[in-house]
């Protein structure tokens, strides 16, 4: 499937901040922005944004498509030792530290597929994790073998739908 920006509708959005700094609960430490007002259960949706991860940040999810039946998320971009990954594998892009990269994620709910592009190159295409209410999140969410300090920056975010 090929989806171009000209066939998608730009959506202005809001954000809410979700923070959990306590360890020992049911969730790991995080500071995330949930893009609000555009939860979806059908259609073709695209996230586009420019991300930046400073060197030293590792063991962290920096972007998510939340919602799924078999997992709580449909997609996670994680950073491990300077590599951007889809969950823990495969590696989508090496040497991600200290540079801006363009991330595009297209979720086709009807086809149950998700595609991830980094700097305009398709890096992942596969099944989603089941239909649910979905939404996009950015920030930092502790995963495994995490660094003490973690940070991600995002700019020029667009949400589009077909």
N, C-alpha and C. Protein backbone atom coordinates (compact mmCIF):
# COMPACT_ATOMS: atom_id res chain seq x y z
N UNK A 1 0.84 -1.18 0.00
CA UNK A 1 0.00 0.00 0.00
C UNK A 1 0.89 1.24 0.00
N UNK A 2 0.53 2.21 -0.75
CA UNK A 2 1.25 3.46 -0.78
C UNK A 2 0.29 4.59 -0.42
N UNK A 3 0.67 5.37 0.57
CA UNK A 3 -0.15 6.50 0.99
C UNK A 3 0.71 7.74 0.90
N UNK A 4 0.24 8.75 0.22
CA UNK A 4 0.99 9.99 0.11
C UNK A 4 0.29 11.06 0.93
N UNK A 5 1.04 12.06 1.31
CA UNK A 5 0.47 13.14 2.11
C UNK A 5 -0.67 13.83 1.38
N UNK A 6 -0.63 13.86 0.07
CA UNK A 6 -1.70 14.54 -0.67
C UNK A 6 -3.03 13.80 -0.57
N UNK A 7 -2.98 12.49 -0.24
CA UNK A 7 -4.21 11.74 -0.11
C UNK A 7 -4.66 11.63 1.35
N UNK A 8 -3.95 12.33 2.22
CA UNK A 8 -4.28 12.29 3.63
C UNK A 8 -4.77 13.67 4.07
N UNK A 9 -5.48 13.72 5.17
CA UNK A 9 -6.00 14.97 5.71
C UNK A 9 -5.20 15.34 6.95
N UNK A 10 -4.64 16.55 6.98
CA UNK A 10 -3.89 17.02 8.14
C UNK A 10 -4.86 17.32 9.28
N UNK A 11 -4.45 16.97 10.48
CA UNK A 11 -5.28 17.17 11.66
C UNK A 11 -4.52 17.99 12.67
N UNK A 12 -5.11 19.07 13.14
CA UNK A 12 -4.55 19.83 14.23
C UNK A 12 -4.87 19.07 15.52
N UNK A 13 -3.93 19.02 16.45
CA UNK A 13 -4.13 18.17 17.62
C UNK A 13 -3.69 18.87 18.89
N UNK A 14 -4.07 18.29 20.01
CA UNK A 14 -3.63 18.71 21.33
C UNK A 14 -2.81 17.61 21.96
N UNK A 15 -2.25 17.89 23.13
CA UNK A 15 -1.43 16.91 23.84
C UNK A 15 -1.81 16.91 25.31
N UNK A 16 -1.65 15.78 25.94
CA UNK A 16 -1.66 15.71 27.40
C UNK A 16 -0.35 15.05 27.80
N UNK A 17 0.16 15.42 28.95
CA UNK A 17 1.41 14.86 29.44
C UNK A 17 1.07 13.77 30.45
N UNK A 18 1.67 12.60 30.27
CA UNK A 18 1.52 11.51 31.22
C UNK A 18 2.88 11.26 31.84
N UNK A 19 2.97 11.34 33.16
CA UNK A 19 4.24 11.19 33.85
C UNK A 19 4.12 10.16 34.95
N UNK A 20 5.11 9.32 35.06
CA UNK A 20 5.22 8.37 36.15
C UNK A 20 6.69 8.27 36.50
N UNK A 21 7.06 8.79 37.66
CA UNK A 21 8.46 8.76 38.07
C UNK A 21 8.71 7.74 39.16
N UNK A 22 7.70 7.04 39.58
CA UNK A 22 7.86 6.07 40.66
C UNK A 22 8.14 4.70 40.09
N UNK A 23 9.11 4.04 40.67
CA UNK A 23 9.41 2.67 40.29
C UNK A 23 8.73 1.77 41.31
N UNK A 24 8.30 0.61 40.90
CA UNK A 24 7.66 -0.31 41.82
C UNK A 24 6.17 -0.42 41.61
N UNK A 25 5.59 0.43 40.77
CA UNK A 25 4.18 0.32 40.43
C UNK A 25 4.01 -0.66 39.29
N UNK A 26 2.89 -0.56 38.61
CA UNK A 26 2.64 -1.46 37.48
C UNK A 26 3.24 -0.92 36.19
N UNK A 27 3.78 0.27 36.22
CA UNK A 27 4.38 0.85 35.03
C UNK A 27 5.80 1.31 35.36
N UNK A 28 6.60 1.46 34.34
CA UNK A 28 7.98 1.91 34.53
C UNK A 28 8.02 3.44 34.37
N UNK A 29 9.08 4.08 34.88
CA UNK A 29 9.17 5.54 34.78
C UNK A 29 9.06 6.04 33.34
N UNK A 30 8.36 7.16 33.18
CA UNK A 30 8.13 7.71 31.85
C UNK A 30 7.69 9.15 31.94
N UNK A 31 7.90 9.85 30.86
CA UNK A 31 7.28 11.15 30.60
C UNK A 31 6.92 11.13 29.14
N UNK A 32 5.63 11.13 28.86
CA UNK A 32 5.13 10.99 27.50
C UNK A 32 4.09 12.06 27.21
N UNK A 33 4.01 12.40 25.95
CA UNK A 33 2.95 13.26 25.45
C UNK A 33 1.99 12.38 24.66
N UNK A 34 0.75 12.38 25.07
CA UNK A 34 -0.28 11.66 24.32
C UNK A 34 -0.97 12.68 23.41
N UNK A 35 -1.00 12.40 22.13
CA UNK A 35 -1.68 13.29 21.20
C UNK A 35 -3.17 13.02 21.34
N UNK A 36 -3.89 14.02 21.84
CA UNK A 36 -5.28 13.81 22.23
C UNK A 36 -6.26 14.30 21.19
N UNK A 37 -7.48 13.77 21.30
CA UNK A 37 -8.56 14.21 20.45
C UNK A 37 -8.70 13.45 19.16
N UNK A 38 -7.78 12.52 18.90
CA UNK A 38 -7.82 11.78 17.64
C UNK A 38 -7.59 10.30 17.86
N UNK A 39 -8.22 9.76 18.89
CA UNK A 39 -8.23 8.31 19.05
C UNK A 39 -8.96 7.72 17.85
N UNK A 40 -8.55 6.54 17.43
CA UNK A 40 -9.18 5.95 16.25
C UNK A 40 -9.34 4.43 16.40
N UNK A 41 -10.32 3.91 15.72
CA UNK A 41 -10.57 2.46 15.69
C UNK A 41 -10.68 1.94 14.25
N UNK A 42 -10.63 2.83 13.28
CA UNK A 42 -10.72 2.43 11.88
C UNK A 42 -9.99 3.46 11.02
N UNK A 43 -9.79 3.10 9.77
CA UNK A 43 -9.18 4.03 8.83
C UNK A 43 -7.67 3.83 8.70
N UNK A 44 -7.06 4.76 7.95
CA UNK A 44 -5.62 4.78 7.75
C UNK A 44 -5.10 6.07 8.37
N UNK A 45 -4.21 5.94 9.33
CA UNK A 45 -3.69 7.07 10.09
C UNK A 45 -2.17 7.12 9.96
N UNK A 46 -1.64 8.35 9.91
CA UNK A 46 -0.20 8.52 9.78
C UNK A 46 0.31 9.51 10.81
N UNK A 47 1.40 9.15 11.45
CA UNK A 47 2.17 10.04 12.31
C UNK A 47 3.41 10.44 11.54
N UNK A 48 3.71 11.74 11.53
CA UNK A 48 4.97 12.22 10.97
C UNK A 48 5.57 13.19 11.95
N UNK A 49 6.85 13.07 12.19
CA UNK A 49 7.54 14.00 13.07
C UNK A 49 9.04 13.83 12.95
N UNK A 50 9.74 14.83 13.43
CA UNK A 50 11.19 14.79 13.44
C UNK A 50 11.64 14.54 14.87
N UNK A 51 12.39 13.45 15.05
CA UNK A 51 12.86 13.07 16.37
C UNK A 51 14.35 13.28 16.51
N UNK A 52 14.77 13.42 17.76
CA UNK A 52 16.19 13.62 18.09
C UNK A 52 16.43 12.93 19.42
N UNK A 53 17.48 12.12 19.48
CA UNK A 53 17.83 11.41 20.71
C UNK A 53 19.29 11.72 21.04
N UNK A 54 19.54 12.39 22.19
CA UNK A 54 20.92 12.69 22.57
C UNK A 54 21.69 11.41 22.91
N UNK A 55 22.98 11.44 22.64
CA UNK A 55 23.81 10.27 22.94
C UNK A 55 23.73 9.95 24.43
N UNK A 56 23.75 8.65 24.72
CA UNK A 56 23.67 8.18 26.09
C UNK A 56 22.29 7.68 26.47
N UNK A 57 21.25 8.15 25.78
CA UNK A 57 19.89 7.68 26.05
C UNK A 57 19.76 6.26 25.49
N UNK A 58 19.36 5.32 26.32
CA UNK A 58 19.20 3.94 25.86
C UNK A 58 18.16 3.23 26.73
N UNK A 59 17.61 2.15 26.18
CA UNK A 59 16.62 1.37 26.91
C UNK A 59 15.32 2.11 27.11
N UNK A 60 14.87 2.78 26.03
CA UNK A 60 13.71 3.66 26.15
C UNK A 60 12.85 3.60 24.89
N UNK A 61 11.53 3.64 25.08
CA UNK A 61 10.61 3.83 23.95
C UNK A 61 10.44 5.33 23.76
N UNK A 62 10.52 5.79 22.51
CA UNK A 62 10.42 7.23 22.25
C UNK A 62 9.17 7.60 21.45
N UNK A 63 8.52 6.61 20.83
CA UNK A 63 7.29 6.86 20.08
C UNK A 63 6.46 5.59 20.10
N UNK A 64 5.14 5.74 20.22
CA UNK A 64 4.26 4.59 20.26
C UNK A 64 2.99 4.84 19.49
N UNK A 65 2.48 3.77 18.88
CA UNK A 65 1.08 3.72 18.47
C UNK A 65 0.44 2.86 19.56
N UNK A 66 -0.32 3.51 20.42
CA UNK A 66 -0.92 2.80 21.55
C UNK A 66 -2.18 2.09 21.11
N UNK A 67 -2.46 0.97 21.74
CA UNK A 67 -3.67 0.19 21.50
C UNK A 67 -3.39 -1.07 20.72
N UNK A 68 -3.94 -2.16 21.19
CA UNK A 68 -3.81 -3.45 20.54
C UNK A 68 -4.47 -4.51 21.40
N UNK A 69 -4.78 -5.63 20.81
CA UNK A 69 -5.40 -6.74 21.55
C UNK A 69 -4.35 -7.66 22.15
N UNK A 70 -3.30 -8.00 21.39
CA UNK A 70 -2.30 -8.95 21.88
C UNK A 70 -1.19 -8.27 22.67
N UNK A 71 -0.96 -7.00 22.46
CA UNK A 71 -0.05 -6.16 23.24
C UNK A 71 -0.78 -4.85 23.51
N UNK A 72 -0.28 -4.08 24.45
CA UNK A 72 -0.94 -2.80 24.73
C UNK A 72 -0.63 -1.74 23.68
N UNK A 73 0.37 -2.03 22.82
CA UNK A 73 0.74 -1.10 21.75
C UNK A 73 0.76 -1.83 20.41
N UNK A 74 0.59 -1.05 19.35
CA UNK A 74 0.70 -1.58 17.99
C UNK A 74 2.11 -1.42 17.46
N UNK A 75 2.81 -0.39 17.93
CA UNK A 75 4.19 -0.13 17.50
C UNK A 75 4.90 0.64 18.59
N UNK A 76 6.17 0.35 18.78
CA UNK A 76 7.04 1.17 19.60
C UNK A 76 8.35 1.37 18.87
N UNK A 77 8.82 2.62 18.83
CA UNK A 77 10.19 2.91 18.44
C UNK A 77 10.98 2.96 19.74
N UNK A 78 12.00 2.16 19.83
CA UNK A 78 12.87 2.16 21.00
C UNK A 78 14.30 2.49 20.58
N UNK A 79 15.07 2.93 21.55
CA UNK A 79 16.49 3.22 21.32
C UNK A 79 17.30 2.33 22.25
N UNK A 80 18.23 1.59 21.65
CA UNK A 80 19.19 0.77 22.38
C UNK A 80 20.58 1.04 21.81
N UNK A 81 21.44 1.61 22.64
CA UNK A 81 22.85 1.83 22.28
C UNK A 81 23.02 2.52 20.92
N UNK A 82 22.23 3.54 20.69
CA UNK A 82 22.37 4.33 19.48
C UNK A 82 21.62 3.82 18.27
N UNK A 83 20.89 2.72 18.41
CA UNK A 83 20.09 2.18 17.31
C UNK A 83 18.61 2.35 17.59
N UNK A 84 17.87 2.75 16.57
CA UNK A 84 16.42 2.84 16.65
C UNK A 84 15.86 1.48 16.26
N UNK A 85 14.99 0.92 17.10
CA UNK A 85 14.45 -0.41 16.86
C UNK A 85 12.92 -0.41 16.87
N UNK A 86 12.35 -1.43 16.24
CA UNK A 86 10.93 -1.75 16.37
C UNK A 86 10.86 -2.71 17.54
N UNK A 87 10.28 -2.25 18.67
CA UNK A 87 10.40 -2.97 19.93
C UNK A 87 11.88 -3.26 20.15
N UNK A 88 12.27 -4.53 20.35
CA UNK A 88 13.70 -4.82 20.54
C UNK A 88 14.38 -5.24 19.25
N UNK A 89 13.58 -5.59 18.23
CA UNK A 89 14.14 -6.05 16.97
C UNK A 89 13.03 -6.01 15.92
N UNK A 90 13.36 -5.64 14.71
CA UNK A 90 14.66 -5.40 14.11
C UNK A 90 15.16 -3.98 14.35
N UNK A 91 16.44 -3.79 14.06
CA UNK A 91 17.02 -2.45 14.06
C UNK A 91 16.49 -1.73 12.82
N UNK A 92 15.92 -0.55 13.04
CA UNK A 92 15.39 0.25 11.92
C UNK A 92 16.45 1.21 11.38
N UNK A 93 17.25 1.76 12.29
CA UNK A 93 18.27 2.74 11.88
C UNK A 93 19.38 2.74 12.92
N UNK A 94 20.61 2.57 12.47
CA UNK A 94 21.76 2.66 13.36
C UNK A 94 22.20 4.11 13.47
N UNK A 95 23.02 4.40 14.44
CA UNK A 95 23.62 5.73 14.62
C UNK A 95 22.56 6.83 14.65
N UNK A 96 21.59 6.66 15.51
CA UNK A 96 20.48 7.61 15.60
C UNK A 96 20.81 8.81 16.50
N UNK A 97 21.86 8.68 17.32
CA UNK A 97 22.18 9.73 18.29
C UNK A 97 22.56 11.06 17.63
N UNK A 98 22.15 12.13 18.31
CA UNK A 98 22.61 13.49 18.03
C UNK A 98 22.36 13.97 16.60
N UNK A 99 21.22 13.55 16.04
CA UNK A 99 20.82 14.06 14.73
C UNK A 99 19.30 13.99 14.63
N UNK A 100 18.74 14.87 13.83
CA UNK A 100 17.30 14.84 13.59
C UNK A 100 17.00 13.80 12.53
N UNK A 101 15.95 13.02 12.72
CA UNK A 101 15.50 12.04 11.74
C UNK A 101 13.99 12.21 11.56
N UNK A 102 13.51 11.94 10.35
CA UNK A 102 12.07 12.02 10.09
C UNK A 102 11.45 10.64 10.26
N UNK A 103 10.45 10.56 11.09
CA UNK A 103 9.74 9.31 11.34
C UNK A 103 8.33 9.42 10.77
N UNK A 104 7.94 8.44 9.99
CA UNK A 104 6.57 8.32 9.49
C UNK A 104 6.08 6.92 9.85
N UNK A 105 4.93 6.88 10.47
CA UNK A 105 4.29 5.61 10.80
C UNK A 105 2.89 5.64 10.21
N UNK A 106 2.57 4.63 9.42
CA UNK A 106 1.25 4.53 8.81
C UNK A 106 0.58 3.28 9.36
N UNK A 107 -0.59 3.47 9.94
CA UNK A 107 -1.35 2.36 10.51
C UNK A 107 -2.65 2.23 9.74
N UNK A 108 -2.78 1.12 9.02
CA UNK A 108 -4.00 0.80 8.28
C UNK A 108 -4.77 -0.20 9.12
N UNK A 109 -5.77 0.29 9.84
CA UNK A 109 -6.51 -0.56 10.77
C UNK A 109 -7.27 -1.66 10.03
N UNK A 110 -7.92 -1.32 8.91
CA UNK A 110 -8.69 -2.31 8.15
C UNK A 110 -7.84 -3.44 7.62
N UNK A 111 -6.63 -3.13 7.18
CA UNK A 111 -5.71 -4.15 6.67
C UNK A 111 -4.87 -4.78 7.79
N UNK A 112 -5.00 -4.24 9.00
CA UNK A 112 -4.26 -4.73 10.18
C UNK A 112 -2.75 -4.69 9.95
N UNK A 113 -2.27 -3.59 9.33
CA UNK A 113 -0.84 -3.46 9.06
C UNK A 113 -0.31 -2.13 9.58
N UNK A 114 0.99 -2.12 9.82
CA UNK A 114 1.68 -0.91 10.23
C UNK A 114 2.99 -0.84 9.43
N UNK A 115 3.33 0.38 8.99
CA UNK A 115 4.56 0.60 8.25
C UNK A 115 5.33 1.73 8.93
N UNK A 116 6.65 1.58 8.99
CA UNK A 116 7.51 2.58 9.59
C UNK A 116 8.57 3.01 8.58
N UNK A 117 8.65 4.31 8.38
CA UNK A 117 9.64 4.91 7.49
C UNK A 117 10.56 5.79 8.33
N UNK A 118 11.85 5.72 8.05
CA UNK A 118 12.82 6.62 8.68
C UNK A 118 13.53 7.35 7.54
N UNK A 119 13.45 8.66 7.60
CA UNK A 119 14.03 9.51 6.56
C UNK A 119 13.57 9.09 5.16
N UNK A 120 12.29 8.74 5.06
CA UNK A 120 11.67 8.43 3.78
C UNK A 120 11.90 7.02 3.27
N UNK A 121 12.59 6.19 4.03
CA UNK A 121 12.88 4.82 3.60
C UNK A 121 12.06 3.85 4.45
N UNK A 122 11.33 2.95 3.79
CA UNK A 122 10.55 1.94 4.50
C UNK A 122 11.50 1.03 5.27
N UNK A 123 11.33 0.98 6.61
CA UNK A 123 12.20 0.18 7.46
C UNK A 123 11.48 -1.00 8.09
N UNK A 124 10.16 -0.92 8.16
CA UNK A 124 9.39 -2.02 8.75
C UNK A 124 7.99 -2.03 8.16
N UNK A 125 7.50 -3.22 7.88
CA UNK A 125 6.11 -3.41 7.50
C UNK A 125 5.68 -4.75 8.08
N UNK A 126 4.57 -4.74 8.80
CA UNK A 126 4.10 -5.98 9.40
C UNK A 126 2.71 -5.83 9.97
N UNK A 127 2.23 -6.88 10.62
CA UNK A 127 0.89 -6.85 11.19
C UNK A 127 0.82 -5.95 12.42
N UNK A 128 -0.36 -5.40 12.67
CA UNK A 128 -0.54 -4.68 13.93
C UNK A 128 -0.83 -5.72 15.02
N UNK A 129 -1.20 -5.27 16.20
CA UNK A 129 -1.45 -6.19 17.31
C UNK A 129 -2.92 -6.28 17.67
N UNK A 130 -3.78 -6.12 16.68
CA UNK A 130 -5.22 -6.28 16.90
C UNK A 130 -5.92 -4.95 17.05
N UNK A 131 -7.17 -4.94 16.65
CA UNK A 131 -7.95 -3.70 16.68
C UNK A 131 -8.33 -3.35 18.11
N UNK A 132 -8.25 -2.08 18.38
CA UNK A 132 -8.54 -1.50 19.69
C UNK A 132 -8.71 -0.01 19.44
N UNK A 133 -8.81 0.76 20.48
CA UNK A 133 -8.73 2.21 20.35
C UNK A 133 -7.25 2.57 20.32
N UNK A 134 -6.82 3.29 19.28
CA UNK A 134 -5.41 3.62 19.07
C UNK A 134 -5.19 5.13 19.19
N UNK A 135 -3.96 5.50 19.56
CA UNK A 135 -3.53 6.89 19.55
C UNK A 135 -2.01 6.92 19.56
N UNK A 136 -1.45 8.11 19.31
CA UNK A 136 0.00 8.28 19.20
C UNK A 136 0.57 8.91 20.46
N UNK A 137 1.77 8.46 20.84
CA UNK A 137 2.47 9.00 22.00
C UNK A 137 3.94 9.21 21.65
N UNK A 138 4.53 10.26 22.21
CA UNK A 138 5.96 10.52 22.07
C UNK A 138 6.52 10.85 23.44
N UNK A 139 7.83 10.76 23.57
CA UNK A 139 8.48 11.09 24.84
C UNK A 139 9.49 10.03 25.20
N UNK A 140 9.53 9.68 26.49
CA UNK A 140 10.41 8.61 26.95
C UNK A 140 9.64 7.70 27.90
N UNK A 141 9.79 6.40 27.69
CA UNK A 141 9.15 5.39 28.51
C UNK A 141 10.19 4.28 28.73
N UNK A 142 10.62 4.13 29.98
CA UNK A 142 11.68 3.20 30.33
C UNK A 142 11.34 1.78 29.88
N UNK A 143 12.32 1.11 29.28
CA UNK A 143 12.17 -0.28 28.86
C UNK A 143 13.20 -1.14 29.60
N UNK A 144 14.12 -1.79 28.90
CA UNK A 144 15.10 -2.70 29.51
C UNK A 144 16.50 -2.15 29.33
N UNK A 145 17.37 -2.40 30.31
CA UNK A 145 18.78 -1.95 30.26
C UNK A 145 18.85 -0.45 30.01
N UNK A 146 18.05 0.29 30.76
CA UNK A 146 17.89 1.72 30.53
C UNK A 146 19.05 2.53 31.09
N UNK A 147 19.26 3.69 30.49
CA UNK A 147 20.22 4.66 31.00
C UNK A 147 19.59 5.42 32.17
N UNK A 148 20.44 6.02 32.99
CA UNK A 148 19.93 6.80 34.12
C UNK A 148 19.20 8.05 33.61
N UNK A 149 19.76 8.67 32.58
CA UNK A 149 19.17 9.87 31.98
C UNK A 149 18.66 9.49 30.60
N UNK A 150 17.44 9.90 30.28
CA UNK A 150 16.91 9.61 28.95
C UNK A 150 16.12 10.81 28.44
N UNK A 151 16.23 11.03 27.14
CA UNK A 151 15.60 12.21 26.53
C UNK A 151 15.30 11.92 25.07
N UNK A 152 14.16 12.42 24.60
CA UNK A 152 13.89 12.48 23.16
C UNK A 152 13.23 13.83 22.89
N UNK A 153 13.51 14.37 21.74
CA UNK A 153 12.92 15.65 21.33
C UNK A 153 12.15 15.40 20.04
N UNK A 154 11.05 16.13 19.91
CA UNK A 154 10.21 16.00 18.71
C UNK A 154 9.78 17.37 18.22
N UNK A 155 9.70 17.53 16.91
CA UNK A 155 9.23 18.78 16.32
C UNK A 155 8.49 18.49 15.03
N UNK A 156 7.75 19.49 14.57
CA UNK A 156 7.04 19.43 13.28
C UNK A 156 6.17 18.18 13.16
N UNK A 157 5.43 17.88 14.20
CA UNK A 157 4.58 16.69 14.21
C UNK A 157 3.31 16.95 13.41
N UNK A 158 2.95 15.97 12.60
CA UNK A 158 1.70 16.01 11.84
C UNK A 158 0.97 14.69 12.04
N UNK A 159 -0.32 14.76 12.16
CA UNK A 159 -1.18 13.58 12.18
C UNK A 159 -2.08 13.69 10.96
N UNK A 160 -2.09 12.63 10.16
CA UNK A 160 -2.90 12.63 8.94
C UNK A 160 -3.79 11.40 8.94
N UNK A 161 -4.92 11.52 8.26
CA UNK A 161 -5.80 10.37 8.12
C UNK A 161 -6.33 10.32 6.69
N UNK A 162 -6.59 9.13 6.24
CA UNK A 162 -7.10 8.94 4.89
C UNK A 162 -8.60 8.81 4.94
